[in-house]
Structures are given as structure tokens and as C-alpha cells.
Amino acid sequence: MKRIGLALVLITLMLATGLFAGGQSEEMGPTKLIVSSRLYSQPGEQQFLIDEIFADFEEANNCVVMFEIMEDDPLLKRAAFQKESGRINTDVVIVHDSRMAEWMNNDYVVPLPVDDWKDRTFSKAFKESISMDGKTYFAPVGGDVYLMLANKKALPYLPATADVQDLSWEEYVDWAVAIAKGEDEGKAAVTGVPMKSLIYMYGGMFLSYGGEFPVINSPGAIKAWEILTKMKDAYTPTVNTYDNVSSPMKTGEAWLTVAHMVRCGEAYKSNPSGYVLAPAPKGPMGIGSIAGTSGFAVVKGAPNADLAMKFIEYMTEPEMAVNIARGTGGFIPPIDEAIAKLGDSLEDEIIAKGINVMKNGIVSGVPGGDYSSWGAVKQVYDDAFQELILNKGTIDKAYLDAAQAKINGLKK
């Protein structure tokens, strides 16, 4: 953890003095490669990368990888400022696939020499988002979908005819309600803190009923809302404090969730014998899930462009991609040759379940770049959850129509 703190301090000092603008001379010591990422925000993920992944690259290339976390919006704003000022300080960015078009359209990143990387094939599911005009600008990393996790203490309440590995949303809701009645307290979890991931859990459910994402009032979404209103008392009393469901699932405060596969994986790996990991529940159209990936790119005008290219080549080598996926909680490595290397470890089990949903489910990406504020779109879903589920426990079509009008108003 000391290494993370030191890296952030060094970044701050060097940005202030302009030392990143032109790279480093040998007299100044190892080259500082600046990698700004919206992925791997958890301290444990960063520590794994620093200790187990970056170290060999740093030794081989006489450099230090300065890894910093930054959300997509600030990353884009900084890229615009650096381009306008002519002072490019960042070498590599890792951004969400929903924002990649903005980077390419604004000429913030450069094409990657993917034809020279003969040993890897980027997954077809993400080819469109990482490329433009026949050129590949991003190397995908960290694919994800949504899975279900249940504490085994919840199994006695499972509906008699239900298969936990092939659960319907109706059965999931009935299960959550039965747990709450039997335990005199709700045990289901979502991220109740605003503008986190609730939109993706609900959005995946809406897809499974024939809806579109992020439409909140489609006929499919209305059917899903009708089912969800039964869960008024099925969520934990502290659900509004959760910005991440992994912690309450680990502690046993919550017993049941549908969440990002890595967050499910964190809890599952902490005590595999105490949990059941499964695909997200299905609706009439099948399993729905919001899916995404992130991607590496080299910033146009990067002070260490050649080293940045070598870094991305290193990070996306198939064996390395598998190691990164395993060590950071179970992201899907979106490289065909990396997927082929999966075995039967605990981490590989998590990844395999995600791949199954990715291949066989009804999957939607995140159209964040189509809206002036994706956070505001998230907030519309959060408000609907509070009003229709936790407060009323009843469907309100007029409310949902007004909510969709808010979403439409945020379209660019």
C-alpha cells in the first residue's frame, strides 16, 4: 500500500513541475510511464498490479509505472485540456468502452499496431467499440457482466421447484421475499448509494423482459417493475448505505444479490463453501445483462509513446491477460487466446460463468457517451428505486413516464 501512496505523491509533484511533459533523461533515473485508468479502483486490485504485473515490465524497461485512478469524465476533460495547451503529460489511458468513441473522434489517441501482435485476437463482441475507420485504437481489458450470489444460509428459503443455476426473476423475487419473512429482516442487496451500479442490475432485468437499455418505462421494463415492487421489504435495512455489495455479502448482513461479476467474485472467493455463484436470473427473453469492457490506448503526443505501446503489448499478451483477470477479481479477459487458457481454479470459475452470460445472454453495452451526464441517468434509476420499491411498493406508470422524459432530456 505504501507503493500506491508514493506513486500518487510522485504524480502530483511531477505534474506540478512539468517533468512529465518531455519524458525523463537517464540522469533523472527510470522513465515515469503515466497510466491513468477508470478500471481497477479497488486498493487490492492496484496492489496486485503493482506487485505482480508491473514489476517485470519496469525491470525490463528501466521505468516506473505511475498508475492513477480517474473516472471517465475527468479523463476526457483532462485530455481536452492537455491537447489544447500542448502539454501532454499522460502516456496511457484505460477508459470504458462507452466513451471510446469520444476519444477517437476527438483525436486524443493513436492507432495500435495490432497487426504486429500475432498471438492475440480481441473478442468480436468489442471490435466495433475499440475501432474506427478500420484502425484499432483500444486494446480491450476487463470485460464484465452481472451474476447472482447467494449465501448458503438462504437456500432453505429457495422456492421448491427452483434451480439456483437457472433461476427466473419471479423465483428470485419470491426467494428474497421468503428470506425476509423467515428472518424478520430483508437480506437482499443492491447499491443503494446514488449513481453506483443499481441501474445495471435493473437494466439487465429489463432486457430479460424484452426492454431496451436504458429505457425505464418500456413494456418490458414495466413488467419487471411490477415484479420488483414485491421486494419493498426484501432489501436489507441498510441497503441505502451500500456503494458496493461485496462487503455486506461478506459479512453476512446481506444474503442475496445480483451484481457486477467481480464484486460477486470478491465475496465468493472469501468463502467458496459458504456461497452459491450463478448466472443472473432470466426473464421470458432469457438472461439479460449489461456488459462492458475497458480499453488501453496511447495518448496522442504522449511523452513516452514507444514505451506506452510496449506496455499495452505486454498487458494484453494472452498469458498476462489471464493472470490480470484472475488477480483482479475475475474480470473476463476479452482476448480469445486468453480465454482458451482458463482452467478450473476458483477465479476461472467466476470468469467462466461471466463468459457464459456474455455468449448466451441478451447483452447491452453502456451508452454513456450518448448522454450529457451518465451520472444523471443513473440518478433517475436510483430515484425510481427509492420511490417505487422502498417507499411505495407499487407500480406508477405516470412516474416512470416522467422519469423517461428526464432521461430523454439528457440525450446529446
Protein backbone atom coordinates (compact mmCIF):
# COMPACT_ATOMS: atom_id res chain seq x y z
CA MET A 1 0.00 0.00 0.00
CA LYS A 2 2.97 2.34 0.59
CA ARG A 3 3.82 1.98 -3.11
CA ILE A 4 0.36 3.27 -4.12
CA GLY A 5 0.67 6.32 -1.90
CA LEU A 6 4.19 7.06 -3.13
CA ALA A 7 3.07 6.76 -6.76
CA LEU A 8 0.25 9.25 -6.27
CA VAL A 9 2.54 11.71 -4.49
CA LEU A 10 5.10 11.48 -7.30
CA ILE A 11 2.42 12.02 -9.93
CA THR A 12 1.18 15.15 -8.14
CA LEU A 13 4.67 16.61 -7.75
CA MET A 14 5.76 15.88 -11.29
CA LEU A 15 2.58 17.20 -12.86
CA ALA A 16 3.07 20.40 -10.87
CA THR A 17 6.64 20.85 -12.06
CA GLY A 18 6.02 19.75 -15.64
CA LEU A 19 8.52 16.91 -15.51
CA PHE A 20 6.20 14.59 -17.42
CA ALA A 21 5.96 16.87 -20.43
CA GLY A 22 9.08 15.64 -22.14
CA GLY A 23 9.83 12.28 -20.55
CA GLN A 24 12.93 11.60 -18.43
CA SER A 25 16.61 11.67 -19.16
CA GLU A 26 18.78 8.80 -17.99
CA GLU A 27 20.36 11.11 -15.40
CA MET A 28 16.95 11.51 -13.77
CA GLY A 29 16.54 7.79 -13.27
CA PRO A 30 13.88 5.41 -14.57
CA THR A 31 11.30 6.73 -17.01
CA LYS A 32 7.95 7.51 -15.43
CA LEU A 33 5.17 5.97 -17.52
CA ILE A 34 1.89 7.66 -16.60
CA VAL A 35 -1.12 5.32 -16.78
CA SER A 36 -4.49 6.90 -15.97
CA SER A 37 -7.30 4.40 -15.51
CA ARG A 38 -11.01 4.19 -14.72
CA LEU A 39 -10.51 0.46 -14.08
CA TYR A 40 -9.04 -1.29 -11.01
CA SER A 41 -10.25 1.24 -8.47
CA GLN A 42 -10.07 -1.16 -5.52
CA PRO A 43 -6.84 -0.93 -3.47
CA GLY A 44 -6.33 -4.70 -3.59
CA GLU A 45 -6.54 -4.69 -7.38
CA GLN A 46 -3.97 -1.91 -7.63
CA GLN A 47 -1.62 -3.62 -5.21
CA PHE A 48 -1.79 -6.83 -7.24
CA LEU A 49 -0.93 -4.95 -10.43
CA ILE A 50 1.97 -3.14 -8.81
CA ASP A 51 3.46 -6.19 -7.13
CA GLU A 52 2.70 -8.97 -9.61
CA ILE A 53 2.25 -7.38 -13.04
CA PHE A 54 4.08 -4.08 -13.39
CA ALA A 55 7.29 -5.16 -11.67
CA ASP A 56 8.65 -7.32 -14.51
CA PHE A 57 7.84 -4.67 -17.12
CA GLU A 58 9.51 -1.98 -15.03
CA GLU A 59 12.67 -4.02 -14.59
CA ALA A 60 12.89 -4.93 -18.29
CA ASN A 61 12.34 -1.34 -19.45
CA ASN A 62 14.04 0.73 -16.71
CA CYS A 63 10.81 2.51 -15.88
CA VAL A 64 8.23 3.02 -13.16
CA VAL A 65 4.53 2.65 -13.97
CA MET A 66 2.74 5.54 -12.29
CA PHE A 67 -0.79 4.20 -12.01
CA GLU A 68 -3.61 6.56 -11.07
CA ILE A 69 -7.39 6.13 -10.88
CA MET A 70 -9.63 8.66 -12.58
CA GLU A 71 -13.24 8.42 -13.77
CA ASP A 72 -14.11 8.71 -17.45
CA ASP A 73 -15.43 12.28 -17.38
CA PRO A 74 -12.34 13.78 -15.71
CA LEU A 75 -10.12 11.73 -18.01
CA LEU A 76 -11.80 13.23 -21.07
CA LYS A 77 -11.70 16.76 -19.68
CA ARG A 78 -8.01 16.42 -18.92
CA ALA A 79 -7.32 15.07 -22.40
CA ALA A 80 -9.06 18.09 -23.92
CA PHE A 81 -7.07 20.48 -21.72
CA GLN A 82 -3.75 18.79 -22.48
CA LYS A 83 -4.43 18.80 -26.21
CA GLU A 84 -5.42 22.48 -26.22
CA SER A 85 -2.44 23.51 -24.10
CA GLY A 86 0.01 21.34 -25.99
CA ARG A 87 1.30 19.91 -22.71
CA ILE A 88 0.60 16.19 -22.91
CA ASN A 89 1.53 14.53 -19.61
CA THR A 90 -0.32 11.21 -19.87
CA ASP A 91 1.05 8.18 -21.72
CA VAL A 92 -1.65 5.51 -21.41
CA VAL A 93 -5.34 5.72 -20.58
CA ILE A 94 -7.76 2.94 -19.67
CA VAL A 95 -11.32 4.04 -20.44
CA HIS A 96 -14.77 2.46 -20.58
CA ASP A 97 -15.97 1.22 -23.95
CA SER A 98 -18.99 3.52 -23.79
CA ARG A 99 -16.61 6.52 -24.01
CA MET A 100 -14.11 5.22 -26.55
CA ALA A 101 -15.81 6.93 -29.50
CA GLU A 102 -15.26 10.31 -27.85
CA TRP A 103 -11.54 9.63 -27.56
CA MET A 104 -11.27 8.54 -31.18
CA ASN A 105 -13.49 11.28 -32.62
CA ASN A 106 -11.54 13.98 -30.76
CA ASP A 107 -8.19 12.62 -31.94
CA TYR A 108 -6.96 12.07 -28.39
CA VAL A 109 -5.48 8.61 -29.03
CA VAL A 110 -3.44 6.91 -31.75
CA PRO A 111 -3.92 3.59 -33.60
CA LEU A 112 -2.32 0.50 -32.11
CA PRO A 113 -0.04 -1.78 -34.18
CA VAL A 114 -2.36 -4.76 -33.68
CA ASP A 115 -1.22 -6.42 -36.94
CA ASP A 116 2.16 -6.94 -35.30
CA TRP A 117 0.59 -8.70 -32.31
CA LYS A 118 0.03 -12.06 -33.98
CA ASP A 119 -0.63 -14.06 -30.81
CA ARG A 120 -3.85 -12.34 -29.71
CA THR A 121 -7.34 -11.85 -31.09
CA PHE A 122 -9.56 -9.28 -29.43
CA SER A 123 -13.07 -10.58 -28.74
CA LYS A 124 -15.56 -9.89 -31.54
CA ALA A 125 -18.09 -8.55 -29.04
CA PHE A 126 -15.97 -5.43 -28.60
CA LYS A 127 -14.47 -4.96 -32.08
CA GLU A 128 -16.87 -2.16 -33.00
CA SER A 129 -16.25 -0.07 -29.89
CA ILE A 130 -12.43 -0.28 -30.00
CA SER A 131 -12.03 0.60 -33.69
CA MET A 132 -12.75 3.41 -36.13
CA ASP A 133 -12.23 3.64 -39.89
CA GLY A 134 -10.58 0.24 -39.98
CA LYS A 135 -8.00 1.10 -37.32
CA THR A 136 -7.85 -0.27 -33.77
CA TYR A 137 -7.30 2.40 -31.15
CA PHE A 138 -8.04 0.44 -27.97
CA ALA A 139 -6.89 -2.91 -26.61
CA PRO A 140 -9.77 -4.33 -24.55
CA VAL A 141 -9.31 -5.35 -20.93
CA GLY A 142 -11.60 -6.20 -18.04
CA GLY A 143 -14.81 -7.43 -19.64
CA ASP A 144 -17.74 -7.82 -17.27
CA VAL A 145 -21.36 -8.91 -16.90
CA TYR A 146 -23.73 -9.39 -13.96
CA LEU A 147 -24.02 -12.56 -11.88
CA MET A 148 -26.04 -13.73 -8.88
CA LEU A 149 -24.54 -14.57 -5.50
CA ALA A 150 -26.37 -16.23 -2.61
CA ASN A 151 -25.26 -17.04 0.90
CA LYS A 152 -25.98 -20.72 1.54
CA LYS A 153 -27.98 -19.67 4.59
CA ALA A 154 -30.59 -18.51 2.08
CA LEU A 155 -31.02 -21.92 0.44
CA PRO A 156 -33.76 -23.22 2.82
CA TYR A 157 -35.97 -20.39 1.53
CA LEU A 158 -35.43 -21.18 -2.17
CA PRO A 159 -38.75 -21.95 -3.91
CA ALA A 160 -39.23 -25.72 -4.03
CA THR A 161 -39.10 -26.12 -7.82
CA ALA A 162 -36.39 -23.52 -8.44
CA ASP A 163 -32.90 -24.31 -9.77
CA VAL A 164 -30.45 -21.78 -8.39
CA GLN A 165 -28.32 -22.13 -11.53
CA ASP A 166 -31.32 -21.49 -13.79
CA LEU A 167 -33.44 -19.09 -11.79
CA SER A 168 -36.21 -16.88 -13.13
CA TRP A 169 -36.67 -13.33 -11.88
CA GLU A 170 -40.04 -14.30 -10.41
CA GLU A 171 -38.32 -17.05 -8.43
CA TYR A 172 -35.54 -14.69 -7.36
CA VAL A 173 -38.05 -12.16 -6.02
CA ASP A 174 -40.11 -14.87 -4.29
CA TRP A 175 -36.89 -16.16 -2.74
CA ALA A 176 -35.92 -12.72 -1.45
CA VAL A 177 -39.40 -12.18 -0.01
CA ALA A 178 -39.38 -15.59 1.69
CA ILE A 179 -36.00 -14.85 3.28
CA ALA A 180 -37.27 -11.55 4.66
CA LYS A 181 -40.37 -13.18 6.14
CA GLY A 182 -38.42 -16.07 7.63
CA GLU A 183 -35.65 -13.91 9.08
CA ASP A 184 -37.85 -10.95 10.05
CA GLU A 185 -35.49 -8.76 8.04
CA GLY A 186 -34.65 -8.20 4.39
CA LYS A 187 -31.44 -9.81 3.18
CA ALA A 188 -31.26 -8.73 -0.49
CA ALA A 189 -28.67 -6.19 -1.61
CA VAL A 190 -28.16 -3.65 -4.36
CA THR A 191 -26.06 -0.49 -4.40
CA GLY A 192 -28.39 1.96 -2.67
CA VAL A 193 -25.85 4.78 -2.71
CA PRO A 194 -26.79 7.02 -5.66
CA MET A 195 -25.06 6.83 -9.03
CA LYS A 196 -23.39 3.47 -8.48
CA SER A 197 -24.46 0.23 -10.21
CA LEU A 198 -28.18 -0.22 -9.46
CA ILE A 199 -29.00 0.93 -13.00
CA TYR A 200 -27.10 -2.04 -14.43
CA MET A 201 -28.74 -4.68 -12.24
CA TYR A 202 -32.22 -3.33 -13.06
CA GLY A 203 -31.29 -2.66 -16.68
CA GLY A 204 -30.25 -6.29 -17.17
CA MET A 205 -33.57 -7.44 -15.75
CA PHE A 206 -35.46 -5.13 -18.12
CA LEU A 207 -33.58 -6.67 -21.06
CA SER A 208 -34.71 -10.13 -19.98
CA TYR A 209 -38.33 -8.95 -20.32
CA GLY A 210 -37.82 -7.51 -23.79
CA GLY A 211 -36.90 -3.97 -22.77
CA GLU A 212 -34.14 -1.73 -24.05
CA PHE A 213 -31.38 -0.06 -22.08
CA PRO A 214 -31.63 2.50 -20.52
CA VAL A 215 -35.37 2.85 -21.25
CA ILE A 216 -37.12 2.80 -17.87
CA ASN A 217 -40.77 2.67 -19.00
CA SER A 218 -40.88 0.19 -21.89
CA PRO A 219 -43.48 -2.61 -21.72
CA GLY A 220 -40.71 -5.00 -20.69
CA ALA A 221 -39.45 -2.62 -18.03
CA ILE A 222 -42.99 -2.12 -16.69
CA LYS A 223 -43.41 -5.88 -16.31
CA ALA A 224 -40.10 -6.05 -14.45
CA TRP A 225 -41.05 -3.15 -12.18
CA GLU A 226 -44.28 -4.92 -11.31
CA ILE A 227 -42.29 -7.91 -10.13
CA LEU A 228 -39.72 -5.78 -8.29
CA THR A 229 -42.35 -3.91 -6.26
CA LYS A 230 -42.84 -7.11 -4.27
CA MET A 231 -39.37 -6.53 -2.81
CA LYS A 232 -40.34 -3.48 -0.74
CA ASP A 233 -39.36 -5.23 2.49
CA ALA A 234 -36.90 -7.72 0.99
CA TYR A 235 -33.85 -5.45 0.93
CA THR A 236 -31.64 -5.07 3.99
CA PRO A 237 -32.45 -2.18 6.34
CA THR A 238 -29.09 -0.59 5.46
CA VAL A 239 -29.30 -1.02 1.68
CA ASN A 240 -29.06 2.74 1.12
CA THR A 241 -25.53 2.71 2.59
CA TYR A 242 -24.14 0.23 0.05
CA ASP A 243 -21.84 1.56 -2.65
CA ASN A 244 -20.51 -1.96 -3.17
CA VAL A 245 -22.42 -5.16 -2.37
CA SER A 246 -19.29 -7.22 -1.76
CA SER A 247 -18.84 -6.03 1.84
CA PRO A 248 -22.38 -6.79 3.12
CA MET A 249 -22.31 -10.13 1.35
CA LYS A 250 -19.00 -10.99 3.02
CA THR A 251 -20.18 -10.03 6.48
CA GLY A 252 -23.50 -11.87 6.16
CA GLU A 253 -25.53 -8.71 6.54
CA ALA A 254 -26.90 -9.48 3.07
CA TRP A 255 -27.58 -12.94 1.70
CA LEU A 256 -28.70 -12.38 -1.88
CA THR A 257 -27.63 -10.10 -4.73
CA VAL A 258 -27.32 -9.67 -8.47
CA ALA A 259 -24.22 -7.61 -9.08
CA HIS A 260 -21.10 -6.97 -11.12
CA MET A 261 -19.27 -10.28 -11.55
CA VAL A 262 -16.09 -9.05 -9.88
CA ARG A 263 -17.95 -7.83 -6.78
CA CYS A 264 -19.75 -11.18 -6.59
CA GLY A 265 -16.40 -12.86 -7.07
CA GLU A 266 -14.80 -10.95 -4.20
CA ALA A 267 -17.34 -12.29 -1.73
CA TYR A 268 -17.40 -15.77 -3.26
CA LYS A 269 -13.62 -16.15 -3.07
CA SER A 270 -13.62 -15.11 0.58
CA ASN A 271 -15.54 -18.29 1.49
CA PRO A 272 -16.41 -20.50 -1.51
CA SER A 273 -18.11 -23.13 0.64
CA GLY A 274 -20.44 -20.50 2.07
CA TYR A 275 -21.90 -19.16 -1.19
CA VAL A 276 -23.55 -20.18 -4.43
CA LEU A 277 -22.46 -18.29 -7.55
CA ALA A 278 -24.79 -18.41 -10.55
CA PRO A 279 -25.82 -16.53 -13.69
CA ALA A 280 -28.18 -13.60 -13.24
CA PRO A 281 -31.85 -14.65 -13.21
CA LYS A 282 -33.71 -14.96 -16.50
CA GLY A 283 -36.90 -13.50 -17.89
CA PRO A 284 -39.09 -14.57 -20.82
CA MET A 285 -36.39 -13.48 -23.30
CA GLY A 286 -33.52 -15.17 -21.44
CA ILE A 287 -30.75 -13.86 -19.20
CA GLY A 288 -30.29 -10.14 -19.57
CA SER A 289 -27.13 -8.36 -18.56
CA ILE A 290 -25.44 -5.05 -19.02
CA ALA A 291 -21.94 -5.81 -20.23
CA GLY A 292 -18.89 -3.76 -20.85
CA THR A 293 -15.18 -3.64 -21.12
CA SER A 294 -12.44 -1.10 -20.73
CA GLY A 295 -9.54 -0.50 -23.06
CA PHE A 296 -5.91 0.61 -23.14
CA ALA A 297 -4.92 3.40 -25.51
CA VAL A 298 -1.85 5.53 -26.14
CA VAL A 299 -2.50 9.25 -25.82
CA LYS A 300 -1.63 11.22 -28.94
CA GLY A 301 1.54 13.18 -28.23
CA ALA A 302 2.41 11.02 -25.21
CA PRO A 303 5.93 11.85 -23.96
CA ASN A 304 6.78 8.13 -23.83
CA ALA A 305 4.77 6.83 -26.78
CA ASP A 306 7.06 3.92 -27.69
CA LEU A 307 7.18 2.71 -24.10
CA ALA A 308 3.41 3.10 -23.87
CA MET A 309 2.95 0.83 -26.89
CA LYS A 310 5.26 -1.76 -25.31
CA PHE A 311 3.25 -1.54 -22.10
CA ILE A 312 -0.05 -2.26 -23.85
CA GLU A 313 1.52 -5.12 -25.81
CA TYR A 314 2.81 -6.55 -22.52
CA MET A 315 -0.52 -6.17 -20.70
CA THR A 316 -2.56 -7.84 -23.45
CA GLU A 317 -0.29 -10.84 -24.06
CA PRO A 318 -2.71 -13.79 -23.56
CA GLU A 319 -0.98 -15.37 -20.57
CA MET A 320 -0.62 -11.98 -18.92
CA ALA A 321 -4.25 -11.12 -19.66
CA VAL A 322 -5.37 -14.28 -17.84
CA ASN A 323 -3.14 -13.52 -14.87
CA ILE A 324 -4.52 -9.99 -14.64
CA ALA A 325 -8.12 -11.22 -14.87
CA ARG A 326 -7.55 -13.76 -12.11
CA GLY A 327 -5.65 -11.42 -9.84
CA THR A 328 -8.10 -8.53 -10.06
CA GLY A 329 -11.18 -10.49 -9.04
CA GLY A 330 -12.40 -12.33 -12.11
CA PHE A 331 -12.90 -9.91 -14.98
CA ILE A 332 -13.39 -11.55 -18.39
CA PRO A 333 -10.16 -11.31 -20.42
CA PRO A 334 -11.59 -10.10 -23.78
CA ILE A 335 -8.91 -11.89 -25.80
CA ASP A 336 -9.77 -15.22 -27.43
CA GLU A 337 -6.40 -16.82 -26.78
CA ALA A 338 -6.54 -15.75 -23.12
CA ILE A 339 -9.98 -17.30 -22.64
CA ALA A 340 -8.64 -20.54 -24.10
CA LYS A 341 -6.09 -20.69 -21.26
CA LEU A 342 -8.69 -20.76 -18.49
CA GLY A 343 -8.62 -23.78 -16.20
CA ASP A 344 -10.64 -24.84 -13.19
CA SER A 345 -9.38 -22.52 -10.46
CA LEU A 346 -11.79 -20.53 -8.31
CA GLU A 347 -11.08 -17.38 -10.31
CA ASP A 348 -11.58 -19.27 -13.56
CA GLU A 349 -14.98 -20.48 -12.33
CA ILE A 350 -16.08 -16.88 -11.85
CA ILE A 351 -14.76 -15.89 -15.27
CA ALA A 352 -16.40 -18.90 -16.94
CA LYS A 353 -19.81 -18.00 -15.53
CA GLY A 354 -19.38 -14.48 -16.87
CA ILE A 355 -18.37 -15.77 -20.29
CA ASN A 356 -21.48 -17.96 -20.37
CA VAL A 357 -23.70 -14.92 -19.77
CA MET A 358 -21.74 -12.88 -22.32
CA LYS A 359 -22.11 -15.54 -25.02
CA ASN A 360 -25.65 -16.76 -24.35
CA GLY A 361 -27.42 -13.84 -22.71
CA ILE A 362 -29.20 -10.76 -24.02
CA VAL A 363 -26.45 -8.24 -23.56
CA SER A 364 -26.33 -4.47 -23.85
CA GLY A 365 -23.43 -2.12 -23.56
CA VAL A 366 -23.48 1.19 -21.70
CA PRO A 367 -24.37 4.13 -23.98
CA GLY A 368 -22.82 6.66 -21.64
CA GLY A 369 -21.39 8.77 -24.43
CA ASP A 370 -24.89 9.40 -25.82
CA TYR A 371 -25.88 11.44 -22.76
CA SER A 372 -24.70 14.76 -21.38
CA SER A 373 -24.39 13.19 -17.92
CA TRP A 374 -24.49 9.44 -17.43
CA GLY A 375 -24.46 10.06 -13.69
CA ALA A 376 -27.75 11.92 -14.06
CA VAL A 377 -29.22 8.95 -15.93
CA LYS A 378 -28.12 6.71 -13.06
CA GLN A 379 -29.80 9.08 -10.63
CA VAL A 380 -33.14 8.68 -12.42
CA TYR A 381 -32.97 4.93 -11.79
CA ASP A 382 -31.88 5.46 -8.19
CA ASP A 383 -34.80 7.80 -7.56
CA ALA A 384 -37.25 5.31 -9.09
CA PHE A 385 -35.88 2.58 -6.83
CA GLN A 386 -36.39 4.72 -3.76
CA GLU A 387 -39.88 5.87 -4.75
CA LEU A 388 -41.44 2.76 -6.33
CA ILE A 389 -39.69 -0.04 -4.40
CA LEU A 390 -38.61 1.16 -0.98
CA ASN A 391 -41.25 3.85 -0.38
CA LYS A 392 -44.43 2.74 -2.20
CA GLY A 393 -44.01 -0.89 -3.21
CA THR A 394 -46.38 -0.23 -6.12
CA ILE A 395 -46.04 0.48 -9.84
CA ASP A 396 -46.67 4.04 -11.01
CA LYS A 397 -46.74 4.35 -14.79
CA ALA A 398 -47.01 8.15 -14.70
CA TYR A 399 -43.90 8.33 -12.53
CA LEU A 400 -41.96 6.10 -14.93
CA ASP A 401 -43.11 8.13 -17.95
CA ALA A 402 -41.83 11.28 -16.25
CA ALA A 403 -38.58 9.50 -15.38
CA GLN A 404 -38.08 8.51 -19.02
CA ALA A 405 -38.70 12.10 -20.05
CA LYS A 406 -35.81 13.10 -17.77
CA ILE A 407 -33.58 10.51 -19.43
CA ASN A 408 -34.60 11.69 -22.89
CA GLY A 409 -33.79 15.25 -21.85
CA LEU A 410 -30.22 14.20 -21.09
CA LYS A 411 -29.60 12.92 -24.64
CA LYS A 412 -26.92 14.81 -26.52
